[in-house]
PDB file of N, CA and C in Angstrom:
ATOM      1  N   MET A   1       0.747  -1.213   0.028  1.00  0.00           N
ATOM      2  CA  MET A   1      -0.119   0.130   0.010  1.00  0.00           C
ATOM      3  C   MET A   1       0.824   1.166  -0.021  1.00  0.00           C
ATOM      4  N   VAL A   2       1.918   1.424   0.889  1.00  0.00           N
ATOM      5  CA  VAL A   2       2.526   2.503   0.978  1.00  0.00           C
ATOM      6  C   VAL A   2       3.487   2.765  -0.285  1.00  0.00           C
ATOM      7  N   SER A   3       3.886   1.730  -1.082  1.00  0.00           N
ATOM      8  CA  SER A   3       4.562   1.919  -2.227  1.00  0.00           C
ATOM      9  C   SER A   3       3.743   2.494  -3.440  1.00  0.00           C
ATOM     10  N   VAL A   4       2.372   2.127  -3.380  1.00  0.00           N
ATOM     11  CA  VAL A   4       1.503   2.749  -4.274  1.00  0.00           C
ATOM     12  C   VAL A   4       1.171   4.260  -3.928  1.00  0.00           C
ATOM     13  N   LEU A   5       0.989   4.272  -2.571  1.00  0.00           N
ATOM     14  CA  LEU A   5       0.460   5.788  -2.253  1.00  0.00           C
ATOM     15  C   LEU A   5       1.464   6.748  -2.185  1.00  0.00           C
ATOM     16  N   LYS A   6       2.716   6.376  -1.840  1.00  0.00           N
ATOM     17  CA  LYS A   6       3.868   7.387  -1.576  1.00  0.00           C
ATOM     18  C   LYS A   6       4.166   8.246  -2.937  1.00  0.00           C
ATOM     19  N   ASN A   7       3.755   7.575  -4.059  1.00  0.00           N
ATOM     20  CA  ASN A   7       3.930   8.492  -5.237  1.00  0.00           C
ATOM     21  C   ASN A   7       3.090   9.727  -5.346  1.00  0.00           C
ATOM     22  N   VAL A   8       1.975   9.700  -4.586  1.00  0.00           N
ATOM     23  CA  VAL A   8       1.028  10.788  -4.581  1.00  0.00           C
ATOM     24  C   VAL A   8       1.095  11.460  -3.265  1.00  0.00           C
ATOM     25  N   PHE A   9       1.111  10.739  -2.147  1.00  0.00           N
ATOM     26  CA  PHE A   9       1.030  11.225  -0.834  1.00  0.00           C
ATOM     27  C   PHE A   9       2.436  11.305  -0.019  1.00  0.00           C
ATOM     28  N   SER A  10       2.471  12.127   1.014  1.00  0.00           N
ATOM     29  CA  SER A  10       3.640  12.211   1.818  1.00  0.00           C
ATOM     30  C   SER A  10       3.370  10.798   2.893  1.00  0.00           C
ATOM     31  N   LEU A  11       4.614  10.442   3.483  1.00  0.00           N
ATOM     32  CA  LEU A  11       4.458   9.420   4.469  1.00  0.00           C
ATOM     33  C   LEU A  11       3.475   9.954   5.709  1.00  0.00           C
ATOM     34  N   SER A  12       3.453  11.226   5.992  1.00  0.00           N
ATOM     35  CA  SER A  12       2.711  11.565   7.123  1.00  0.00           C
ATOM     36  C   SER A  12       1.129  11.531   6.700  1.00  0.00           C
ATOM     37  N   GLU A  13       0.985  11.865   5.515  1.00  0.00           N
ATOM     38  CA  GLU A  13      -0.451  11.740   5.103  1.00  0.00           C
ATOM     39  C   GLU A  13      -0.907  10.359   4.924  1.00  0.00           C
ATOM     40  N   ILE A  14      -0.039   9.372   4.458  1.00  0.00           N
ATOM     41  CA  ILE A  14      -0.422   8.048   4.417  1.00  0.00           C
ATOM     42  C   ILE A  14      -0.595   7.463   5.793  1.00  0.00           C
ATOM     43  N   GLU A  15       0.359   7.798   6.824  1.00  0.00           N
ATOM     44  CA  GLU A  15       0.009   7.368   8.311  1.00  0.00           C
ATOM     45  C   GLU A  15      -1.297   7.882   8.796  1.00  0.00           C
ATOM     46  N   HIS A  16      -1.581   9.137   8.521  1.00  0.00           N
ATOM     47  CA  HIS A  16      -2.722   9.525   9.067  1.00  0.00           C
ATOM     48  C   HIS A  16      -3.948   8.907   8.558  1.00  0.00           C
ATOM     49  N   GLY A  17      -4.011   8.690   7.280  1.00  0.00           N
ATOM     50  CA  GLY A  17      -5.028   7.851   6.468  1.00  0.00           C
ATOM     51  C   GLY A  17      -5.291   6.535   7.097  1.00  0.00           C
ATOM     52  N   LEU A  18      -4.039   5.896   7.113  1.00  0.00           N
ATOM     53  CA  LEU A  18      -4.134   4.318   7.859  1.00  0.00           C
ATOM     54  C   LEU A  18      -4.776   4.399   9.288  1.00  0.00           C
ATOM     55  N   CYS A  19      -4.278   5.477  10.103  1.00  0.00           N
ATOM     56  CA  CYS A  19      -4.925   5.602  11.383  1.00  0.00           C
ATOM     57  C   CYS A  19      -6.359   5.810  11.204  1.00  0.00           C
ATOM     58  N   LEU A  20      -6.801   6.617  10.394  1.00  0.00           N
ATOM     59  CA  LEU A  20      -8.299   6.776  10.336  1.00  0.00           C
ATOM     60  C   LEU A  20      -8.934   5.546   9.988  1.00  0.00           C
ATOM     61  N   ILE A  21      -8.468   4.659   8.962  1.00  0.00           N
ATOM     62  CA  ILE A  21      -9.074   3.478   8.565  1.00  0.00           C
ATOM     63  C   ILE A  21      -8.993   2.526   9.643  1.00  0.00           C
ATOM     64  N   LEU A  22      -8.005   2.495  10.493  1.00  0.00           N
ATOM     65  CA  LEU A  22      -7.863   1.487  11.411  1.00  0.00           C
ATOM     66  C   LEU A  22      -8.536   1.833  12.629  1.00  0.00           C
ATOM     67  N   VAL A  23      -9.219   2.886  12.798  1.00  0.00           N
ATOM     68  CA  VAL A  23     -10.319   3.021  13.841  1.00  0.00           C
ATOM     69  C   VAL A  23     -11.421   2.265  13.957  1.00  0.00           C
ATOM     70  N   ASP A  24     -11.986   1.885  12.768  1.00  0.00           N
ATOM     71  CA  ASP A  24     -13.070   1.156  12.514  1.00  0.00           C
ATOM     72  C   ASP A  24     -12.992  -0.251  12.146  1.00  0.00           C
ATOM     73  N   THR A  25     -11.729  -0.775  11.868  1.00  0.00           N
ATOM     74  CA  THR A  25     -11.575  -2.031  11.165  1.00  0.00           C
ATOM     75  C   THR A  25     -10.258  -2.573  11.457  1.00  0.00           C
ATOM     76  N   SER A  26     -10.005  -3.736  11.253  1.00  0.00           N
ATOM     77  CA  SER A  26      -8.728  -4.415  11.615  1.00  0.00           C
ATOM     78  C   SER A  26      -7.725  -4.165  10.380  1.00  0.00           C
ATOM     79  N   PRO A  27      -6.547  -4.314  10.689  1.00  0.00           N
ATOM     80  CA  PRO A  27      -5.522  -4.120   9.522  1.00  0.00           C
ATOM     81  C   PRO A  27      -5.690  -5.036   8.302  1.00  0.00           C
ATOM     82  N   ALA A  28      -6.207  -6.159   8.602  1.00  0.00           N
ATOM     83  CA  ALA A  28      -6.415  -7.039   7.423  1.00  0.00           C
ATOM     84  C   ALA A  28      -7.683  -6.557   6.676  1.00  0.00           C
ATOM     85  N   GLU A  29      -8.680  -6.282   7.349  1.00  0.00           N
ATOM     86  CA  GLU A  29     -10.005  -5.679   6.742  1.00  0.00           C
ATOM     87  C   GLU A  29      -9.657  -4.438   5.865  1.00  0.00           C
ATOM     88  N   GLY A  30      -8.791  -3.535   6.549  1.00  0.00           N
ATOM     89  CA  GLY A  30      -8.515  -2.378   5.837  1.00  0.00           C
ATOM     90  C   GLY A  30      -7.653  -2.572   4.510  1.00  0.00           C
ATOM     91  N   TYR A  31      -6.776  -3.505   4.647  1.00  0.00           N
ATOM     92  CA  TYR A  31      -5.849  -3.929   3.531  1.00  0.00           C
ATOM     93  C   TYR A  31      -6.796  -4.470   2.401  1.00  0.00           C
ATOM     94  N   ASN A  32      -7.818  -5.366   2.915  1.00  0.00           N
ATOM     95  CA  ASN A  32      -8.568  -6.035   1.872  1.00  0.00           C
ATOM     96  C   ASN A  32      -9.576  -4.908   1.183  1.00  0.00           C
ATOM     97  N   ASP A  33     -10.008  -3.963   1.985  1.00  0.00           N
ATOM     98  CA  ASP A  33     -10.754  -2.910   1.425  1.00  0.00           C
ATOM     99  C   ASP A  33     -10.009  -1.909   0.283  1.00  0.00           C
ATOM    100  N   PHE A  34      -8.647  -1.826   0.842  1.00  0.00           N
ATOM    101  CA  PHE A  34      -7.888  -1.024  -0.085  1.00  0.00           C
ATOM    102  C   PHE A  34      -7.549  -1.752  -1.423  1.00  0.00           C
ATOM    103  N   ILE A  35      -7.153  -3.044  -1.280  1.00  0.00           N
ATOM    104  CA  ILE A  35      -6.983  -3.866  -2.589  1.00  0.00           C
ATOM    105  C   ILE A  35      -8.149  -3.997  -3.503  1.00  0.00           C
ATOM    106  N   ARG A  36      -9.470  -4.025  -2.912  1.00  0.00           N
ATOM    107  CA  ARG A  36     -10.780  -4.076  -3.726  1.00  0.00           C
ATOM    108  C   ARG A  36     -10.932  -2.791  -4.389  1.00  0.00           C
ATOM    109  N   MET A  37     -10.797  -1.712  -3.630  1.00  0.00           N
ATOM    110  CA  MET A  37     -10.858  -0.232  -4.217  1.00  0.00           C
ATOM    111  C   MET A  37      -9.906   0.039  -5.394  1.00  0.00           C
ATOM    112  N   PHE A  38      -8.708  -0.413  -5.038  1.00  0.00           N
ATOM    113  CA  PHE A  38      -7.554  -0.324  -6.103  1.00  0.00           C
ATOM    114  C   PHE A  38      -7.975  -1.051  -7.355  1.00  0.00           C
ATOM    115  N   ASN A  39      -8.188  -2.192  -7.133  1.00  0.00           N
ATOM    116  CA  ASN A  39      -8.492  -3.047  -8.383  1.00  0.00           C
ATOM    117  C   ASN A  39      -9.846  -2.470  -9.095  1.00  0.00           C
ATOM    118  N   GLU A  40     -10.777  -2.017  -8.452  1.00  0.00           N
ATOM    119  CA  GLU A  40     -12.035  -1.456  -8.997  1.00  0.00           C
ATOM    120  C   GLU A  40     -11.679  -0.279  -9.818  1.00  0.00           C
ATOM    121  N   ARG A  41     -10.536   0.638  -9.449  1.00  0.00           N
ATOM    122  CA  ARG A  41     -10.147   1.710 -10.179  1.00  0.00           C
ATOM    123  C   ARG A  41      -9.310   1.391 -11.437  1.00  0.00           C
ATOM    124  N   VAL A  42      -8.475   0.340 -11.134  1.00  0.00           N
ATOM    125  CA  VAL A  42      -7.702  -0.084 -12.385  1.00  0.00           C
ATOM    126  C   VAL A  42      -8.517  -0.631 -13.448  1.00  0.00           C
ATOM    127  N   LEU A  43      -9.679  -1.471 -13.058  1.00  0.00           N
ATOM    128  CA  LEU A  43     -10.526  -1.844 -14.020  1.00  0.00           C
ATOM    129  C   LEU A  43     -11.269  -0.793 -14.824  1.00  0.00           C
ATOM    130  N   LYS A  44     -11.615   0.336 -14.104  1.00  0.00           N
ATOM    131  CA  LYS A  44     -12.329   1.320 -14.762  1.00  0.00           C
ATOM    132  C   LYS A  44     -11.403   2.062 -15.884  1.00  0.00           C
ATOM    133  N   LYS A  45     -10.066   2.006 -15.539  1.00  0.00           N
ATOM    134  CA  LYS A  45      -9.182   2.768 -16.508  1.00  0.00           C
ATOM    135  C   LYS A  45      -8.937   1.945 -17.886  1.00  0.00           C
ATOM    136  N   GLN A  46      -9.187   0.697 -17.730  1.00  0.00           N
ATOM    137  CA  GLN A  46      -8.936  -0.115 -19.019  1.00  0.00           C
ATOM    138  C   GLN A  46      -9.909  -0.035 -19.940  1.00  0.00           C
TER     139      GLN A  46
END
């Protein structure tokens, strides 16, 4: 996740976003949500 996001956001912005996500969900669920959303965006671009 960080490798993908650091091209657009600073590390402090990524950290802040991850903290917001992890308030309501587990790290595994947060990661799965990120992958799902990322894949949806990639498919829309094709």
